[in-house]
Amino acid sequence: MKSVDVEIFGRKFHLRTDQPEELQSVAKKIDEELRQLSDLYENLDFSKLLLLLLLKKHSEIKSLQSNSALSEKELERLNQLVGNIVEDL
C-alpha cells in the first residue's frame, strides 16, 4: 500500500491505498461537491456538509441499484422470450 496525502475542503488527510490515482480522483470530486454544497448552504460547517453529501450519494446509489434491478429483471424476461422462441423452432 502507498501513502497518499489528499486535501478535501481545505483539510489534509494522510491515507493508504493500493490505488493512489483513483483515491486522488475521488478526493478531488468530493472536494468539488463539498464546495458546491458550501456555496448553496453557506452556514453549514464541514461535518454537516459531509453529512449532506453522504445522504446525497446514498440516494444516488439507491437509485442506481433500483435501475440495475430493473435491468436484471428485463434481461431475465428477454432471456425467457428467447428461450421460448428457440423451443418453438
PDB file of N, CA and C in Angstrom:
ATOM      1  N   MET A   1       0.839  -1.187   0.000  1.00  0.00           N
ATOM      2  CA  MET A   1       0.000   0.000   0.000  1.00  0.00           C
ATOM      3  C   MET A   1       0.879   1.243   0.000  1.00  0.00           C
ATOM      4  N   LYS A   2       0.370   2.263  -0.664  1.00  0.00           N
ATOM      5  CA  LYS A   2       1.109   3.515  -0.748  1.00  0.00           C
ATOM      6  C   LYS A   2       0.425   4.578   0.103  1.00  0.00           C
ATOM      7  N   SER A   3       1.229   5.448   0.684  1.00  0.00           N
ATOM      8  CA  SER A   3       0.698   6.587   1.422  1.00  0.00           C
ATOM      9  C   SER A   3       0.353   7.698   0.447  1.00  0.00           C
ATOM     10  N   VAL A   4      -0.794   8.306   0.679  1.00  0.00           N
ATOM     11  CA  VAL A   4      -1.263   9.376  -0.196  1.00  0.00           C
ATOM     12  C   VAL A   4      -1.797  10.511   0.678  1.00  0.00           C
ATOM     13  N   ASP A   5      -1.403  11.720   0.350  1.00  0.00           N
ATOM     14  CA  ASP A   5      -1.954  12.898   1.012  1.00  0.00           C
ATOM     15  C   ASP A   5      -2.983  13.523   0.088  1.00  0.00           C
ATOM     16  N   VAL A   6      -4.176  13.742   0.615  1.00  0.00           N
ATOM     17  CA  VAL A   6      -5.223  14.400  -0.159  1.00  0.00           C
ATOM     18  C   VAL A   6      -5.730  15.594   0.641  1.00  0.00           C
ATOM     19  N   GLU A   7      -6.281  16.546  -0.083  1.00  0.00           N
ATOM     20  CA  GLU A   7      -6.882  17.707   0.569  1.00  0.00           C
ATOM     21  C   GLU A   7      -8.335  17.797   0.140  1.00  0.00           C
ATOM     22  N   ILE A   8      -9.194  17.846   1.142  1.00  0.00           N
ATOM     23  CA  ILE A   8     -10.627  17.945   0.897  1.00  0.00           C
ATOM     24  C   ILE A   8     -11.163  19.113   1.709  1.00  0.00           C
ATOM     25  N   PHE A   9     -11.681  20.088   1.011  1.00  0.00           N
ATOM     26  CA  PHE A   9     -12.293  21.257   1.631  1.00  0.00           C
ATOM     27  C   PHE A   9     -11.327  21.947   2.595  1.00  0.00           C
ATOM     28  N   GLY A  10     -10.073  22.034   2.153  1.00  0.00           N
ATOM     29  CA  GLY A  10      -9.052  22.717   2.939  1.00  0.00           C
ATOM     30  C   GLY A  10      -8.452  21.906   4.072  1.00  0.00           C
ATOM     31  N   ARG A  11      -8.837  20.661   4.187  1.00  0.00           N
ATOM     32  CA  ARG A  11      -8.307  19.787   5.247  1.00  0.00           C
ATOM     33  C   ARG A  11      -7.464  18.697   4.612  1.00  0.00           C
ATOM     34  N   LYS A  12      -6.320  18.444   5.216  1.00  0.00           N
ATOM     35  CA  LYS A  12      -5.412  17.433   4.677  1.00  0.00           C
ATOM     36  C   LYS A  12      -5.635  16.103   5.380  1.00  0.00           C
ATOM     37  N   PHE A  13      -5.600  15.050   4.576  1.00  0.00           N
ATOM     38  CA  PHE A  13      -5.776  13.694   5.085  1.00  0.00           C
ATOM     39  C   PHE A  13      -4.637  12.831   4.566  1.00  0.00           C
ATOM     40  N   HIS A  14      -4.031  12.061   5.461  1.00  0.00           N
ATOM     41  CA  HIS A  14      -2.959  11.135   5.100  1.00  0.00           C
ATOM     42  C   HIS A  14      -3.580   9.738   5.079  1.00  0.00           C
ATOM     43  N   LEU A  15      -3.637   9.131   3.891  1.00  0.00           N
ATOM     44  CA  LEU A  15      -4.318   7.849   3.712  1.00  0.00           C
ATOM     45  C   LEU A  15      -3.391   6.830   3.059  1.00  0.00           C
ATOM     46  N   ARG A  16      -3.781   5.563   3.138  1.00  0.00           N
ATOM     47  CA  ARG A  16      -3.024   4.493   2.482  1.00  0.00           C
ATOM     48  C   ARG A  16      -3.959   3.763   1.527  1.00  0.00           C
ATOM     49  N   THR A  17      -3.416   3.423   0.338  1.00  0.00           N
ATOM     50  CA  THR A  17      -4.242   2.774  -0.677  1.00  0.00           C
ATOM     51  C   THR A  17      -3.373   2.022  -1.671  1.00  0.00           C
ATOM     52  N   ASP A  18      -3.983   1.078  -2.348  1.00  0.00           N
ATOM     53  CA  ASP A  18      -3.318   0.383  -3.456  1.00  0.00           C
ATOM     54  C   ASP A  18      -3.557   1.105  -4.776  1.00  0.00           C
ATOM     55  N   GLN A  19      -4.453   2.073  -4.769  1.00  0.00           N
ATOM     56  CA  GLN A  19      -4.805   2.803  -5.991  1.00  0.00           C
ATOM     57  C   GLN A  19      -4.719   4.314  -5.740  1.00  0.00           C
ATOM     58  N   PRO A  20      -3.505   4.846  -5.675  1.00  0.00           N
ATOM     59  CA  PRO A  20      -3.353   6.266  -5.335  1.00  0.00           C
ATOM     60  C   PRO A  20      -4.006   7.224  -6.330  1.00  0.00           C
ATOM     61  N   GLU A  21      -3.939   6.907  -7.613  1.00  0.00           N
ATOM     62  CA  GLU A  21      -4.539   7.806  -8.606  1.00  0.00           C
ATOM     63  C   GLU A  21      -6.057   7.852  -8.446  1.00  0.00           C
ATOM     64  N   GLU A  22      -6.649   6.705  -8.209  1.00  0.00           N
ATOM     65  CA  GLU A  22      -8.099   6.636  -8.012  1.00  0.00           C
ATOM     66  C   GLU A  22      -8.500   7.410  -6.754  1.00  0.00           C
ATOM     67  N   LEU A  23      -7.736   7.242  -5.689  1.00  0.00           N
ATOM     68  CA  LEU A  23      -8.025   7.954  -4.446  1.00  0.00           C
ATOM     69  C   LEU A  23      -7.922   9.460  -4.647  1.00  0.00           C
ATOM     70  N   GLN A  24      -6.895   9.910  -5.358  1.00  0.00           N
ATOM     71  CA  GLN A  24      -6.742  11.343  -5.638  1.00  0.00           C
ATOM     72  C   GLN A  24      -7.946  11.856  -6.431  1.00  0.00           C
ATOM     73  N   SER A  25      -8.377  11.088  -7.409  1.00  0.00           N
ATOM     74  CA  SER A  25      -9.518  11.469  -8.241  1.00  0.00           C
ATOM     75  C   SER A  25     -10.800  11.574  -7.412  1.00  0.00           C
ATOM     76  N   VAL A  26     -11.028  10.594  -6.556  1.00  0.00           N
ATOM     77  CA  VAL A  26     -12.220  10.598  -5.708  1.00  0.00           C
ATOM     78  C   VAL A  26     -12.168  11.776  -4.735  1.00  0.00           C
ATOM     79  N   ALA A  27     -11.011  12.013  -4.140  1.00  0.00           N
ATOM     80  CA  ALA A  27     -10.862  13.127  -3.203  1.00  0.00           C
ATOM     81  C   ALA A  27     -11.135  14.460  -3.897  1.00  0.00           C
ATOM     82  N   LYS A  28     -10.655  14.599  -5.119  1.00  0.00           N
ATOM     83  CA  LYS A  28     -10.891  15.832  -5.878  1.00  0.00           C
ATOM     84  C   LYS A  28     -12.382  16.026  -6.137  1.00  0.00           C
ATOM     85  N   LYS A  29     -13.069  14.951  -6.503  1.00  0.00           N
ATOM     86  CA  LYS A  29     -14.510  15.023  -6.765  1.00  0.00           C
ATOM     87  C   LYS A  29     -15.272  15.374  -5.486  1.00  0.00           C
ATOM     88  N   ILE A  30     -14.896  14.764  -4.375  1.00  0.00           N
ATOM     89  CA  ILE A  30     -15.540  15.072  -3.095  1.00  0.00           C
ATOM     90  C   ILE A  30     -15.331  16.540  -2.745  1.00  0.00           C
ATOM     91  N   ASP A  31     -14.105  17.027  -2.934  1.00  0.00           N
ATOM     92  CA  ASP A  31     -13.797  18.427  -2.660  1.00  0.00           C
ATOM     93  C   ASP A  31     -14.679  19.347  -3.502  1.00  0.00           C
ATOM     94  N   GLU A  32     -14.791  19.052  -4.788  1.00  0.00           N
ATOM     95  CA  GLU A  32     -15.617  19.871  -5.685  1.00  0.00           C
ATOM     96  C   GLU A  32     -17.077  19.882  -5.238  1.00  0.00           C
ATOM     97  N   GLU A  33     -17.595  18.716  -4.886  1.00  0.00           N
ATOM     98  CA  GLU A  33     -19.000  18.633  -4.492  1.00  0.00           C
ATOM     99  C   GLU A  33     -19.252  19.323  -3.155  1.00  0.00           C
ATOM    100  N   LEU A  34     -18.298  19.217  -2.225  1.00  0.00           N
ATOM    101  CA  LEU A  34     -18.444  19.921  -0.950  1.00  0.00           C
ATOM    102  C   LEU A  34     -18.433  21.431  -1.165  1.00  0.00           C
ATOM    103  N   ARG A  35     -17.600  21.900  -2.056  1.00  0.00           N
ATOM    104  CA  ARG A  35     -17.539  23.343  -2.340  1.00  0.00           C
ATOM    105  C   ARG A  35     -18.842  23.822  -2.982  1.00  0.00           C
ATOM    106  N   GLN A  36     -19.419  23.006  -3.851  1.00  0.00           N
ATOM    107  CA  GLN A  36     -20.710  23.367  -4.449  1.00  0.00           C
ATOM    108  C   GLN A  36     -21.798  23.450  -3.377  1.00  0.00           C
ATOM    109  N   LEU A  37     -21.812  22.461  -2.479  1.00  0.00           N
ATOM    110  CA  LEU A  37     -22.795  22.479  -1.394  1.00  0.00           C
ATOM    111  C   LEU A  37     -22.566  23.672  -0.474  1.00  0.00           C
ATOM    112  N   SER A  38     -21.312  23.995  -0.227  1.00  0.00           N
ATOM    113  CA  SER A  38     -20.968  25.131   0.628  1.00  0.00           C
ATOM    114  C   SER A  38     -21.480  26.442   0.036  1.00  0.00           C
ATOM    115  N   ASP A  39     -21.440  26.551  -1.279  1.00  0.00           N
ATOM    116  CA  ASP A  39     -21.972  27.747  -1.938  1.00  0.00           C
ATOM    117  C   ASP A  39     -23.489  27.852  -1.754  1.00  0.00           C
ATOM    118  N   LEU A  40     -24.157  26.696  -1.739  1.00  0.00           N
ATOM    119  CA  LEU A  40     -25.611  26.685  -1.565  1.00  0.00           C
ATOM    120  C   LEU A  40     -26.023  26.874  -0.107  1.00  0.00           C
ATOM    121  N   TYR A  41     -25.252  26.284   0.793  1.00  0.00           N
ATOM    122  CA  TYR A  41     -25.567  26.302   2.224  1.00  0.00           C
ATOM    123  C   TYR A  41     -24.390  26.917   2.974  1.00  0.00           C
ATOM    124  N   GLU A  42     -24.277  28.224   2.902  1.00  0.00           N
ATOM    125  CA  GLU A  42     -23.114  28.938   3.429  1.00  0.00           C
ATOM    126  C   GLU A  42     -22.932  28.782   4.935  1.00  0.00           C
ATOM    127  N   ASN A  43     -24.001  28.544   5.672  1.00  0.00           N
ATOM    128  CA  ASN A  43     -23.915  28.488   7.132  1.00  0.00           C
ATOM    129  C   ASN A  43     -23.569  27.106   7.681  1.00  0.00           C
ATOM    130  N   LEU A  44     -23.477  26.095   6.824  1.00  0.00           N
ATOM    131  CA  LEU A  44     -23.188  24.742   7.311  1.00  0.00           C
ATOM    132  C   LEU A  44     -21.696  24.545   7.503  1.00  0.00           C
ATOM    133  N   ASP A  45     -21.341  23.867   8.597  1.00  0.00           N
ATOM    134  CA  ASP A  45     -19.928  23.570   8.839  1.00  0.00           C
ATOM    135  C   ASP A  45     -19.519  22.303   8.079  1.00  0.00           C
ATOM    136  N   PHE A  46     -18.238  21.971   8.164  1.00  0.00           N
ATOM    137  CA  PHE A  46     -17.655  20.856   7.421  1.00  0.00           C
ATOM    138  C   PHE A  46     -18.396  19.548   7.670  1.00  0.00           C
ATOM    139  N   SER A  47     -18.659  19.223   8.933  1.00  0.00           N
ATOM    140  CA  SER A  47     -19.295  17.933   9.238  1.00  0.00           C
ATOM    141  C   SER A  47     -20.719  17.863   8.680  1.00  0.00           C
ATOM    142  N   LYS A  48     -21.440  18.965   8.715  1.00  0.00           N
ATOM    143  CA  LYS A  48     -22.803  18.953   8.180  1.00  0.00           C
ATOM    144  C   LYS A  48     -22.789  18.889   6.658  1.00  0.00           C
ATOM    145  N   LEU A  49     -21.814  19.536   6.040  1.00  0.00           N
ATOM    146  CA  LEU A  49     -21.676  19.424   4.586  1.00  0.00           C
ATOM    147  C   LEU A  49     -21.354  17.986   4.190  1.00  0.00           C
ATOM    148  N   LEU A  50     -20.466  17.335   4.967  1.00  0.00           N
ATOM    149  CA  LEU A  50     -20.144  15.928   4.697  1.00  0.00           C
ATOM    150  C   LEU A  50     -21.379  15.046   4.834  1.00  0.00           C
ATOM    151  N   LEU A  51     -22.161  15.292   5.869  1.00  0.00           N
ATOM    152  CA  LEU A  51     -23.382  14.513   6.075  1.00  0.00           C
ATOM    153  C   LEU A  51     -24.353  14.719   4.914  1.00  0.00           C
ATOM    154  N   LEU A  52     -24.512  15.954   4.481  1.00  0.00           N
ATOM    155  CA  LEU A  52     -25.389  16.250   3.354  1.00  0.00           C
ATOM    156  C   LEU A  52     -24.909  15.544   2.087  1.00  0.00           C
ATOM    157  N   LEU A  53     -23.595  15.562   1.846  1.00  0.00           N
ATOM    158  CA  LEU A  53     -23.032  14.878   0.679  1.00  0.00           C
ATOM    159  C   LEU A  53     -23.237  13.368   0.789  1.00  0.00           C
ATOM    160  N   LEU A  54     -23.059  12.819   1.980  1.00  0.00           N
ATOM    161  CA  LEU A  54     -23.270  11.390   2.201  1.00  0.00           C
ATOM    162  C   LEU A  54     -24.717  10.997   1.901  1.00  0.00           C
ATOM    163  N   LEU A  55     -25.656  11.783   2.373  1.00  0.00           N
ATOM    164  CA  LEU A  55     -27.067  11.491   2.105  1.00  0.00           C
ATOM    165  C   LEU A  55     -27.373  11.572   0.615  1.00  0.00           C
ATOM    166  N   LYS A  56     -26.803  12.557  -0.045  1.00  0.00           N
ATOM    167  CA  LYS A  56     -26.992  12.705  -1.493  1.00  0.00           C
ATOM    168  C   LYS A  56     -26.435  11.484  -2.231  1.00  0.00           C
ATOM    169  N   LYS A  57     -25.232  11.056  -1.868  1.00  0.00           N
ATOM    170  CA  LYS A  57     -24.601   9.906  -2.529  1.00  0.00           C
ATOM    171  C   LYS A  57     -25.375   8.621  -2.244  1.00  0.00           C
ATOM    172  N   HIS A  58     -25.874   8.483  -1.029  1.00  0.00           N
ATOM    173  CA  HIS A  58     -26.657   7.294  -0.686  1.00  0.00           C
ATOM    174  C   HIS A  58     -27.914   7.221  -1.560  1.00  0.00           C
ATOM    175  N   SER A  59     -28.560   8.356  -1.743  1.00  0.00           N
ATOM    176  CA  SER A  59     -29.743   8.408  -2.602  1.00  0.00           C
ATOM    177  C   SER A  59     -29.392   8.018  -4.037  1.00  0.00           C
ATOM    178  N   GLU A  60     -28.260   8.502  -4.534  1.00  0.00           N
ATOM    179  CA  GLU A  60     -27.818   8.153  -5.889  1.00  0.00           C
ATOM    180  C   GLU A  60     -27.544   6.658  -6.015  1.00  0.00           C
ATOM    181  N   ILE A  61     -26.920   6.074  -4.995  1.00  0.00           N
ATOM    182  CA  ILE A  61     -26.621   4.637  -5.009  1.00  0.00           C
ATOM    183  C   ILE A  61     -27.917   3.828  -5.024  1.00  0.00           C
ATOM    184  N   LYS A  62     -28.882   4.215  -4.189  1.00  0.00           N
ATOM    185  CA  LYS A  62     -30.164   3.504  -4.155  1.00  0.00           C
ATOM    186  C   LYS A  62     -30.852   3.565  -5.515  1.00  0.00           C
ATOM    187  N   SER A  63     -30.791   4.713  -6.156  1.00  0.00           N
ATOM    188  CA  SER A  63     -31.397   4.869  -7.476  1.00  0.00           C
ATOM    189  C   SER A  63     -30.710   3.963  -8.496  1.00  0.00           C
ATOM    190  N   LEU A  64     -29.380   3.917  -8.458  1.00  0.00           N
ATOM    191  CA  LEU A  64     -28.636   3.048  -9.372  1.00  0.00           C
ATOM    192  C   LEU A  64     -28.946   1.577  -9.115  1.00  0.00           C
ATOM    193  N   GLN A  65     -29.058   1.201  -7.840  1.00  0.00           N
ATOM    194  CA  GLN A  65     -29.388  -0.181  -7.510  1.00  0.00           C
ATOM    195  C   GLN A  65     -30.775  -0.538  -8.024  1.00  0.00           C
ATOM    196  N   SER A  66     -31.699   0.377  -7.895  1.00  0.00           N
ATOM    197  CA  SER A  66     -33.058   0.144  -8.381  1.00  0.00           C
ATOM    198  C   SER A  66     -33.060  -0.025  -9.897  1.00  0.00           C
ATOM    199  N   ASN A  67     -32.330   0.842 -10.588  1.00  0.00           N
ATOM    200  CA  ASN A  67     -32.234   0.731 -12.047  1.00  0.00           C
ATOM    201  C   ASN A  67     -31.568  -0.574 -12.460  1.00  0.00           C
ATOM    202  N   SER A  68     -30.559  -0.993 -11.707  1.00  0.00           N
ATOM    203  CA  SER A  68     -29.858  -2.240 -12.002  1.00  0.00           C
ATOM    204  C   SER A  68     -30.797  -3.433 -11.824  1.00  0.00           C
ATOM    205  N   ALA A  69     -31.590  -3.401 -10.758  1.00  0.00           N
ATOM    206  CA  ALA A  69     -32.534  -4.495 -10.513  1.00  0.00           C
ATOM    207  C   ALA A  69     -33.561  -4.566 -11.636  1.00  0.00           C
ATOM    208  N   LEU A  70     -34.030  -3.399 -12.094  1.00  0.00           N
ATOM    209  CA  LEU A  70     -34.982  -3.390 -13.206  1.00  0.00           C
ATOM    210  C   LEU A  70     -34.340  -3.940 -14.469  1.00  0.00           C
ATOM    211  N   SER A  71     -33.092  -3.585 -14.720  1.00  0.00           N
ATOM    212  CA  SER A  71     -32.386  -4.077 -15.902  1.00  0.00           C
ATOM    213  C   SER A  71     -32.212  -5.588 -15.835  1.00  0.00           C
ATOM    214  N   GLU A  72     -31.896  -6.104 -14.645  1.00  0.00           N
ATOM    215  CA  GLU A  72     -31.734  -7.548 -14.489  1.00  0.00           C
ATOM    216  C   GLU A  72     -33.055  -8.269 -14.744  1.00  0.00           C
ATOM    217  N   LYS A  73     -34.149  -7.706 -14.252  1.00  0.00           N
ATOM    218  CA  LYS A  73     -35.460  -8.321 -14.488  1.00  0.00           C
ATOM    219  C   LYS A  73     -35.806  -8.302 -15.970  1.00  0.00           C
ATOM    220  N   GLU A  74     -35.506  -7.195 -16.634  1.00  0.00           N
ATOM    221  CA  GLU A  74     -35.778  -7.084 -18.070  1.00  0.00           C
ATOM    222  C   GLU A  74     -34.927  -8.085 -18.847  1.00  0.00           C
ATOM    223  N   LEU A  75     -33.659  -8.232 -18.469  1.00  0.00           N
ATOM    224  CA  LEU A  75     -32.779  -9.196 -19.125  1.00  0.00           C
ATOM    225  C   LEU A  75     -33.297 -10.616 -18.925  1.00  0.00           C
ATOM    226  N   GLU A  76     -33.739 -10.924 -17.728  1.00  0.00           N
ATOM    227  CA  GLU A  76     -34.293 -12.255 -17.456  1.00  0.00           C
ATOM    228  C   GLU A  76     -35.536 -12.506 -18.311  1.00  0.00           C
ATOM    229  N   ARG A  77     -36.394 -11.497 -18.418  1.00  0.00           N
ATOM    230  CA  ARG A  77     -37.606 -11.622 -19.235  1.00  0.00           C
ATOM    231  C   ARG A  77     -37.252 -11.851 -20.702  1.00  0.00           C
ATOM    232  N   LEU A  78     -36.265 -11.106 -21.206  1.00  0.00           N
ATOM    233  CA  LEU A  78     -35.841 -11.277 -22.599  1.00  0.00           C
ATOM    234  C   LEU A  78     -35.231 -12.654 -22.829  1.00  0.00           C
ATOM    235  N   ASN A  79     -34.455 -13.141 -21.868  1.00  0.00           N
ATOM    236  CA  ASN A  79     -33.874 -14.480 -21.986  1.00  0.00           C
ATOM    237  C   ASN A  79     -34.966 -15.542 -22.036  1.00  0.00           C
ATOM    238  N   GLN A  80     -36.023 -15.361 -21.259  1.00  0.00           N
ATOM    239  CA  GLN A  80     -37.137 -16.304 -21.292  1.00  0.00           C
ATOM    240  C   GLN A  80     -37.837 -16.269 -22.645  1.00  0.00           C
ATOM    241  N   LEU A  81     -38.007 -15.064 -23.188  1.00  0.00           N
ATOM    242  CA  LEU A  81     -38.625 -14.948 -24.512  1.00  0.00           C
ATOM    243  C   LEU A  81     -37.780 -15.638 -25.578  1.00  0.00           C
ATOM    244  N   VAL A  82     -36.470 -15.431 -25.523  1.00  0.00           N
ATOM    245  CA  VAL A  82     -35.568 -16.084 -26.480  1.00  0.00           C
ATOM    246  C   VAL A  82     -35.650 -17.592 -26.309  1.00  0.00           C
ATOM    247  N   GLY A  83     -35.678 -18.049 -25.055  1.00  0.00           N
ATOM    248  CA  GLY A  83     -35.802 -19.478 -24.796  1.00  0.00           C
ATOM    249  C   GLY A  83     -37.085 -20.045 -25.371  1.00  0.00           C
ATOM    250  N   ASN A  84     -38.186 -19.320 -25.228  1.00  0.00           N
ATOM    251  CA  ASN A  84     -39.468 -19.762 -25.782  1.00  0.00           C
ATOM    252  C   ASN A  84     -39.420 -19.822 -27.302  1.00  0.00           C
ATOM    253  N   ILE A  85     -38.794 -18.835 -27.919  1.00  0.00           N
ATOM    254  CA  ILE A  85     -38.679 -18.816 -29.383  1.00  0.00           C
ATOM    255  C   ILE A  85     -37.850 -19.995 -29.864  1.00  0.00           C
ATOM    256  N   VAL A  86     -36.746 -20.272 -29.185  1.00  0.00           N
ATOM    257  CA  VAL A  86     -35.874 -21.386 -29.574  1.00  0.00           C
ATOM    258  C   VAL A  86     -36.619 -22.706 -29.430  1.00  0.00           C
ATOM    259  N   GLU A  87     -37.408 -22.859 -28.376  1.00  0.00           N
ATOM    260  CA  GLU A  87     -38.177 -24.087 -28.183  1.00  0.00           C
ATOM    261  C   GLU A  87     -39.200 -24.284 -29.299  1.00  0.00           C
ATOM    262  N   ASP A  88     -39.760 -23.201 -29.784  1.00  0.00           N
ATOM    263  CA  ASP A  88     -40.776 -23.277 -30.841  1.00  0.00           C
ATOM    264  C   ASP A  88     -40.176 -23.610 -32.200  1.00  0.00           C
ATOM    265  N   LEU A  89     -38.876 -23.453 -32.351  1.00  0.00           N
ATOM    266  CA  LEU A  89     -38.247 -23.738 -33.646  1.00  0.00           C
ATOM    267  C   LEU A  89     -38.159 -25.187 -33.843  1.00  0.00           C
TER     268      LEU A  89
END
